[in-house]
């Protein structure tokens, strides 16, 4: 009789992701919407994964994005990106490349000038992991 063992990343890391999001958002409730996290759902190599965060905002003095952050579920460091914006930014958009240790959830957050916090969560599958040394 043969026995097969499949090892998967522990989802016990999810509370750490939730805590990181909660710490960044503070007392504001995190709502889904207004934020778009543009990243490929299937990534061949986790060493340089392009991502873009866009926030629907007029970027006026009265209504603008103050900050954008991206958090991950399973990398050694939870926060991947933190950016500060203001009405003079013109566009509420940031782009970068990140390393992903394995397949995981990414959460993009935006703090608005009225204190509200908006989010978008994406699940990314990585076929060749990064952060392994």
N, C-alpha and C. Protein backbone atom coordinates (compact mmCIF):
# COMPACT_ATOMS: atom_id res chain seq x y z
N UNK A 1 0.84 -1.18 0.00
CA UNK A 1 0.00 0.00 0.00
C UNK A 1 0.89 1.24 0.00
N UNK A 2 0.63 2.16 -0.92
CA UNK A 2 1.41 3.38 -1.03
C UNK A 2 0.70 4.52 -0.30
N UNK A 3 1.49 5.40 0.25
CA UNK A 3 0.94 6.55 0.97
C UNK A 3 1.52 7.82 0.34
N UNK A 4 0.66 8.73 -0.03
CA UNK A 4 1.11 9.99 -0.62
C UNK A 4 0.90 11.12 0.38
N UNK A 5 1.86 11.99 0.47
CA UNK A 5 1.78 13.14 1.36
C UNK A 5 1.94 14.40 0.54
N UNK A 6 0.98 15.28 0.62
CA UNK A 6 1.03 16.55 -0.10
C UNK A 6 1.22 17.66 0.91
N UNK A 7 2.29 18.43 0.76
CA UNK A 7 2.55 19.56 1.66
C UNK A 7 2.09 20.85 1.00
N UNK A 8 1.33 21.62 1.72
CA UNK A 8 0.85 22.91 1.24
C UNK A 8 1.24 23.98 2.24
N UNK A 9 1.37 25.24 1.79
CA UNK A 9 1.67 26.32 2.73
C UNK A 9 0.57 26.41 3.79
N UNK A 10 0.97 26.71 4.99
CA UNK A 10 0.02 26.83 6.09
C UNK A 10 -0.84 28.08 5.94
N UNK A 11 -2.14 27.91 6.10
CA UNK A 11 -3.04 29.06 6.05
C UNK A 11 -3.18 29.69 7.43
N UNK A 12 -2.35 29.22 8.38
CA UNK A 12 -2.33 29.85 9.69
C UNK A 12 -1.76 31.25 9.60
N UNK A 13 -1.18 31.59 8.46
CA UNK A 13 -0.63 32.92 8.25
C UNK A 13 -1.71 33.96 8.00
N UNK A 14 -2.93 33.53 7.67
CA UNK A 14 -4.01 34.46 7.37
C UNK A 14 -4.29 35.43 8.51
N UNK A 15 -4.27 35.00 9.80
CA UNK A 15 -4.48 35.98 10.87
C UNK A 15 -3.41 37.07 10.90
N UNK A 16 -2.17 36.73 10.53
CA UNK A 16 -1.12 37.74 10.48
C UNK A 16 -1.41 38.77 9.40
N UNK A 17 -1.94 38.33 8.27
CA UNK A 17 -2.33 39.26 7.20
C UNK A 17 -3.46 40.16 7.68
N UNK A 18 -4.47 39.57 8.31
CA UNK A 18 -5.59 40.36 8.82
C UNK A 18 -5.13 41.37 9.86
N UNK A 19 -4.20 40.99 10.71
CA UNK A 19 -3.68 41.90 11.73
C UNK A 19 -2.90 43.05 11.09
N UNK A 20 -2.12 42.76 10.06
CA UNK A 20 -1.37 43.82 9.37
C UNK A 20 -2.33 44.81 8.71
N UNK A 21 -3.39 44.31 8.09
CA UNK A 21 -4.40 45.18 7.46
C UNK A 21 -5.08 46.02 8.53
N UNK A 22 -5.47 45.39 9.63
CA UNK A 22 -6.15 46.10 10.72
C UNK A 22 -5.25 47.19 11.31
N UNK A 23 -3.97 46.88 11.49
CA UNK A 23 -3.04 47.87 12.04
C UNK A 23 -2.90 49.07 11.11
N UNK A 24 -2.87 48.84 9.80
CA UNK A 24 -2.73 49.95 8.85
C UNK A 24 -4.01 50.76 8.77
N UNK A 25 -5.16 50.09 8.79
CA UNK A 25 -6.45 50.78 8.65
C UNK A 25 -6.86 51.51 9.92
N UNK A 26 -6.34 51.10 11.06
CA UNK A 26 -6.73 51.73 12.32
C UNK A 26 -8.18 51.40 12.66
N UNK A 27 -8.90 52.39 13.15
CA UNK A 27 -10.29 52.19 13.57
C UNK A 27 -11.28 52.19 12.40
N UNK A 28 -10.82 52.61 11.22
CA UNK A 28 -11.72 52.70 10.06
C UNK A 28 -12.11 51.31 9.57
N UNK A 29 -13.39 51.10 9.25
CA UNK A 29 -13.77 49.81 8.66
C UNK A 29 -13.20 49.70 7.24
N UNK A 30 -12.74 48.51 6.89
CA UNK A 30 -12.18 48.28 5.56
C UNK A 30 -13.31 47.79 4.66
N UNK A 31 -13.58 48.56 3.59
CA UNK A 31 -14.66 48.22 2.66
C UNK A 31 -14.07 47.81 1.32
N UNK A 32 -14.76 46.90 0.66
CA UNK A 32 -14.36 46.43 -0.66
C UNK A 32 -14.83 47.44 -1.71
N UNK A 33 -13.97 47.78 -2.68
CA UNK A 33 -14.34 48.68 -3.75
C UNK A 33 -13.36 49.84 -3.89
N UNK A 34 -13.54 50.62 -4.92
CA UNK A 34 -12.75 51.81 -5.26
C UNK A 34 -11.29 51.52 -5.57
N UNK A 35 -10.78 50.37 -5.16
CA UNK A 35 -9.38 50.00 -5.37
C UNK A 35 -9.32 48.85 -6.37
N UNK A 36 -8.35 48.93 -7.30
CA UNK A 36 -8.09 47.83 -8.23
C UNK A 36 -6.63 47.43 -8.10
N UNK A 37 -6.41 46.18 -7.72
CA UNK A 37 -5.06 45.62 -7.67
C UNK A 37 -4.89 44.81 -8.93
N UNK A 38 -4.07 45.31 -9.84
CA UNK A 38 -3.84 44.67 -11.13
C UNK A 38 -2.56 43.85 -11.06
N UNK A 39 -2.72 42.54 -10.97
CA UNK A 39 -1.60 41.60 -10.94
C UNK A 39 -2.07 40.32 -11.61
N UNK A 40 -1.17 39.67 -12.32
CA UNK A 40 -1.54 38.43 -13.00
C UNK A 40 -1.96 37.37 -11.98
N UNK A 41 -3.05 36.66 -12.22
CA UNK A 41 -3.47 35.62 -11.28
C UNK A 41 -2.58 34.38 -11.31
N UNK A 42 -1.81 34.21 -12.39
CA UNK A 42 -0.87 33.09 -12.51
C UNK A 42 0.49 33.66 -12.87
N UNK A 43 1.46 33.47 -11.97
CA UNK A 43 2.80 34.02 -12.15
C UNK A 43 3.78 32.87 -12.29
N UNK A 44 4.57 32.89 -13.36
CA UNK A 44 5.53 31.81 -13.59
C UNK A 44 6.71 31.91 -12.64
N UNK A 45 7.20 33.12 -12.39
CA UNK A 45 8.38 33.32 -11.56
C UNK A 45 8.07 34.38 -10.51
N UNK A 46 8.20 34.04 -9.23
CA UNK A 46 7.88 34.96 -8.15
C UNK A 46 8.95 35.98 -7.83
N UNK A 47 10.05 36.01 -8.59
CA UNK A 47 11.14 36.94 -8.28
C UNK A 47 10.87 38.39 -8.65
N UNK A 48 10.07 38.64 -9.65
CA UNK A 48 9.78 40.03 -10.07
C UNK A 48 8.37 40.08 -10.65
N UNK A 49 7.40 40.22 -9.77
CA UNK A 49 5.99 40.21 -10.17
C UNK A 49 5.49 41.65 -10.30
N UNK A 50 5.12 42.09 -11.51
CA UNK A 50 4.61 43.46 -11.66
C UNK A 50 3.20 43.58 -11.09
N UNK A 51 2.97 44.68 -10.38
CA UNK A 51 1.63 44.96 -9.90
C UNK A 51 1.37 46.46 -9.96
N UNK A 52 0.11 46.80 -10.16
CA UNK A 52 -0.33 48.19 -10.20
C UNK A 52 -1.56 48.33 -9.32
N UNK A 53 -1.59 49.39 -8.53
CA UNK A 53 -2.75 49.70 -7.69
C UNK A 53 -3.34 51.00 -8.21
N UNK A 54 -4.64 50.95 -8.54
CA UNK A 54 -5.36 52.14 -8.98
C UNK A 54 -6.53 52.37 -8.04
N UNK A 55 -6.79 53.63 -7.72
CA UNK A 55 -7.90 53.97 -6.84
C UNK A 55 -8.80 54.96 -7.57
N UNK A 56 -10.09 54.66 -7.59
CA UNK A 56 -11.07 55.56 -8.22
C UNK A 56 -11.26 56.77 -7.30
N UNK A 57 -10.72 57.91 -7.73
CA UNK A 57 -10.79 59.14 -6.94
C UNK A 57 -10.61 60.34 -7.86
N UNK A 58 -11.34 61.43 -7.61
CA UNK A 58 -11.15 62.63 -8.43
C UNK A 58 -9.83 63.34 -8.13
N UNK A 59 -9.17 62.96 -7.02
CA UNK A 59 -7.91 63.57 -6.59
C UNK A 59 -8.04 65.09 -6.47
N UNK A 60 -9.15 65.54 -5.93
CA UNK A 60 -9.36 66.97 -5.67
C UNK A 60 -8.97 67.26 -4.22
N UNK A 61 -8.93 68.51 -3.86
CA UNK A 61 -8.60 68.88 -2.49
C UNK A 61 -9.58 68.27 -1.50
N UNK A 62 -10.84 68.22 -1.86
CA UNK A 62 -11.88 67.70 -0.96
C UNK A 62 -11.96 66.17 -0.95
N UNK A 63 -11.57 65.51 -2.04
CA UNK A 63 -11.71 64.05 -2.15
C UNK A 63 -10.50 63.48 -2.86
N UNK A 64 -9.55 62.95 -2.07
CA UNK A 64 -8.35 62.39 -2.67
C UNK A 64 -7.84 61.21 -1.85
N UNK A 65 -6.91 60.48 -2.43
CA UNK A 65 -6.27 59.36 -1.76
C UNK A 65 -5.10 59.90 -0.95
N UNK A 66 -5.05 59.52 0.32
CA UNK A 66 -3.93 59.94 1.17
C UNK A 66 -2.80 58.91 1.18
N UNK A 67 -3.16 57.63 1.13
CA UNK A 67 -2.13 56.58 1.21
C UNK A 67 -2.62 55.30 0.54
N UNK A 68 -1.66 54.55 0.02
CA UNK A 68 -1.91 53.25 -0.59
C UNK A 68 -0.93 52.26 0.05
N UNK A 69 -1.41 51.05 0.32
CA UNK A 69 -0.55 50.00 0.86
C UNK A 69 -0.93 48.66 0.23
N UNK A 70 0.06 47.78 0.12
CA UNK A 70 -0.19 46.41 -0.36
C UNK A 70 0.42 45.46 0.67
N UNK A 71 -0.38 44.49 1.11
CA UNK A 71 0.05 43.48 2.07
C UNK A 71 -0.07 42.10 1.44
N UNK A 72 0.72 41.15 1.97
CA UNK A 72 0.70 39.79 1.45
C UNK A 72 0.46 38.80 2.58
N UNK A 73 0.11 37.60 2.20
CA UNK A 73 -0.27 36.58 3.17
C UNK A 73 0.91 35.74 3.66
N UNK A 74 1.86 35.41 2.78
CA UNK A 74 2.86 34.40 3.13
C UNK A 74 4.32 34.80 2.98
N UNK A 75 4.63 36.00 2.54
CA UNK A 75 6.02 36.42 2.49
C UNK A 75 6.52 36.66 3.92
N UNK A 76 7.84 36.64 4.12
CA UNK A 76 8.38 36.90 5.46
C UNK A 76 7.99 38.29 6.00
N UNK A 77 7.90 39.26 5.14
CA UNK A 77 7.50 40.62 5.54
C UNK A 77 6.12 40.90 4.95
N UNK A 78 5.14 41.24 5.79
CA UNK A 78 3.75 41.40 5.35
C UNK A 78 3.52 42.60 4.43
N UNK A 79 4.14 43.73 4.74
CA UNK A 79 3.87 44.91 3.90
C UNK A 79 4.85 44.96 2.74
N UNK A 80 4.28 45.10 1.54
CA UNK A 80 5.07 45.10 0.32
C UNK A 80 5.25 46.50 -0.25
N UNK A 81 4.27 47.35 0.03
CA UNK A 81 4.28 48.69 -0.56
C UNK A 81 3.51 49.64 0.34
N UNK A 82 4.08 50.82 0.55
CA UNK A 82 3.38 51.90 1.24
C UNK A 82 3.72 53.18 0.49
N UNK A 83 2.68 53.90 0.09
CA UNK A 83 2.87 55.14 -0.66
C UNK A 83 1.96 56.22 -0.08
N UNK A 84 2.47 57.44 -0.04
CA UNK A 84 1.69 58.58 0.42
C UNK A 84 1.37 59.46 -0.78
N UNK A 85 0.12 59.84 -0.91
CA UNK A 85 -0.32 60.67 -2.03
C UNK A 85 -1.05 61.90 -1.51
N UNK A 86 -1.33 62.81 -2.41
CA UNK A 86 -2.12 64.00 -2.09
C UNK A 86 -2.84 64.45 -3.34
N UNK A 87 -3.61 65.53 -3.25
CA UNK A 87 -4.39 65.97 -4.41
C UNK A 87 -3.52 66.38 -5.60
N UNK A 88 -2.28 66.76 -5.35
CA UNK A 88 -1.41 67.17 -6.46
C UNK A 88 -0.82 65.98 -7.22
N UNK A 89 -1.05 64.78 -6.73
CA UNK A 89 -0.54 63.59 -7.44
C UNK A 89 -1.20 63.44 -8.81
N UNK A 90 -2.41 63.98 -8.96
CA UNK A 90 -3.08 63.93 -10.24
C UNK A 90 -3.81 62.63 -10.49
N UNK A 91 -3.13 61.52 -10.27
CA UNK A 91 -3.70 60.19 -10.47
C UNK A 91 -3.42 59.34 -9.25
N UNK A 92 -4.39 58.59 -8.81
CA UNK A 92 -4.19 57.69 -7.67
C UNK A 92 -3.78 56.33 -8.20
N UNK A 93 -2.50 56.22 -8.55
CA UNK A 93 -1.98 54.99 -9.14
C UNK A 93 -0.51 54.82 -8.80
N UNK A 94 -0.14 53.61 -8.37
CA UNK A 94 1.26 53.28 -8.14
C UNK A 94 1.54 51.93 -8.78
N UNK A 95 2.77 51.76 -9.27
CA UNK A 95 3.17 50.50 -9.91
C UNK A 95 4.56 50.13 -9.42
N UNK A 96 4.79 48.83 -9.28
CA UNK A 96 6.09 48.34 -8.83
C UNK A 96 6.22 46.86 -9.20
N UNK A 97 7.34 46.27 -8.84
CA UNK A 97 7.55 44.83 -8.95
C UNK A 97 7.84 44.31 -7.55
N UNK A 98 7.30 43.14 -7.23
CA UNK A 98 7.49 42.56 -5.90
C UNK A 98 7.93 41.11 -6.02
N UNK A 99 8.46 40.58 -4.93
CA UNK A 99 8.81 39.16 -4.86
C UNK A 99 7.71 38.43 -4.09
N UNK A 100 7.34 37.26 -4.59
CA UNK A 100 6.34 36.45 -3.91
C UNK A 100 6.96 35.10 -3.54
N UNK A 101 6.91 34.77 -2.26
CA UNK A 101 7.52 33.53 -1.77
C UNK A 101 6.80 32.29 -2.29
N UNK A 102 5.49 32.40 -2.46
CA UNK A 102 4.67 31.27 -2.89
C UNK A 102 3.30 31.78 -3.30
N UNK A 103 2.42 30.90 -3.71
CA UNK A 103 1.05 31.30 -4.04
C UNK A 103 0.38 31.85 -2.78
N UNK A 104 -0.32 32.98 -2.93
CA UNK A 104 -0.88 33.65 -1.76
C UNK A 104 -1.85 34.76 -2.14
N UNK A 105 -2.50 35.31 -1.11
CA UNK A 105 -3.39 36.46 -1.29
C UNK A 105 -2.59 37.75 -1.16
N UNK A 106 -2.96 38.73 -1.98
CA UNK A 106 -2.44 40.09 -1.86
C UNK A 106 -3.63 41.00 -1.58
N UNK A 107 -3.44 41.98 -0.72
CA UNK A 107 -4.49 42.93 -0.38
C UNK A 107 -3.96 44.33 -0.61
N UNK A 108 -4.66 45.10 -1.46
CA UNK A 108 -4.33 46.51 -1.68
C UNK A 108 -5.34 47.34 -0.90
N UNK A 109 -4.84 48.37 -0.22
CA UNK A 109 -5.68 49.26 0.58
C UNK A 109 -5.44 50.70 0.18
N UNK A 110 -6.48 51.52 0.30
CA UNK A 110 -6.35 52.95 0.06
C UNK A 110 -7.06 53.70 1.17
N UNK A 111 -6.37 54.67 1.76
CA UNK A 111 -6.97 55.54 2.77
C UNK A 111 -7.33 56.86 2.09
N UNK A 112 -8.60 57.23 2.19
CA UNK A 112 -9.10 58.43 1.53
C UNK A 112 -9.04 59.63 2.47
N UNK A 113 -9.19 60.83 1.91
CA UNK A 113 -9.13 62.06 2.70
C UNK A 113 -10.26 62.16 3.71
N UNK A 114 -11.36 61.44 3.50
CA UNK A 114 -12.47 61.46 4.48
C UNK A 114 -12.28 60.41 5.58
N UNK A 115 -11.14 59.70 5.57
CA UNK A 115 -10.84 58.71 6.60
C UNK A 115 -11.28 57.30 6.26
N UNK A 116 -12.03 57.12 5.17
CA UNK A 116 -12.48 55.78 4.80
C UNK A 116 -11.32 54.97 4.23
N UNK A 117 -11.42 53.65 4.36
CA UNK A 117 -10.40 52.74 3.85
C UNK A 117 -11.09 51.74 2.92
N UNK A 118 -10.53 51.60 1.72
CA UNK A 118 -11.09 50.73 0.68
C UNK A 118 -10.06 49.67 0.33
N UNK A 119 -10.52 48.52 -0.19
CA UNK A 119 -9.59 47.42 -0.45
C UNK A 119 -9.96 46.62 -1.69
N UNK A 120 -9.00 45.82 -2.13
CA UNK A 120 -9.20 44.83 -3.18
C UNK A 120 -8.24 43.68 -2.88
N UNK A 121 -8.75 42.45 -2.88
CA UNK A 121 -7.94 41.27 -2.59
C UNK A 121 -7.85 40.40 -3.84
N UNK A 122 -6.64 39.90 -4.11
CA UNK A 122 -6.39 39.06 -5.27
C UNK A 122 -5.61 37.83 -4.81
N UNK A 123 -5.98 36.69 -5.34
CA UNK A 123 -5.25 35.44 -5.09
C UNK A 123 -4.29 35.23 -6.26
N UNK A 124 -3.00 35.04 -5.96
CA UNK A 124 -1.99 34.86 -7.00
C UNK A 124 -1.37 33.47 -6.85
N UNK A 125 -1.30 32.74 -7.96
CA UNK A 125 -0.66 31.41 -7.99
C UNK A 125 0.73 31.59 -8.57
N UNK A 126 1.75 31.15 -7.82
CA UNK A 126 3.15 31.26 -8.23
C UNK A 126 3.67 29.86 -8.51
N UNK A 127 4.19 29.64 -9.74
CA UNK A 127 4.70 28.31 -10.08
C UNK A 127 6.16 28.11 -9.67
N UNK A 128 6.98 29.18 -9.67
CA UNK A 128 8.37 29.12 -9.21
C UNK A 128 8.54 30.17 -8.14
N UNK A 129 8.69 29.75 -6.90
CA UNK A 129 8.71 30.66 -5.76
C UNK A 129 9.98 31.48 -5.69
N UNK A 130 9.86 32.65 -5.05
CA UNK A 130 11.00 33.51 -4.74
C UNK A 130 11.20 33.45 -3.22
N UNK A 131 12.10 34.25 -2.70
CA UNK A 131 12.35 34.35 -1.25
C UNK A 131 12.82 33.03 -0.66
N UNK A 132 13.33 32.13 -1.47
CA UNK A 132 13.84 30.85 -0.98
C UNK A 132 15.35 30.87 -1.17
N UNK A 133 16.07 30.74 -0.07
CA UNK A 133 17.52 30.80 -0.16
C UNK A 133 18.17 29.70 0.61
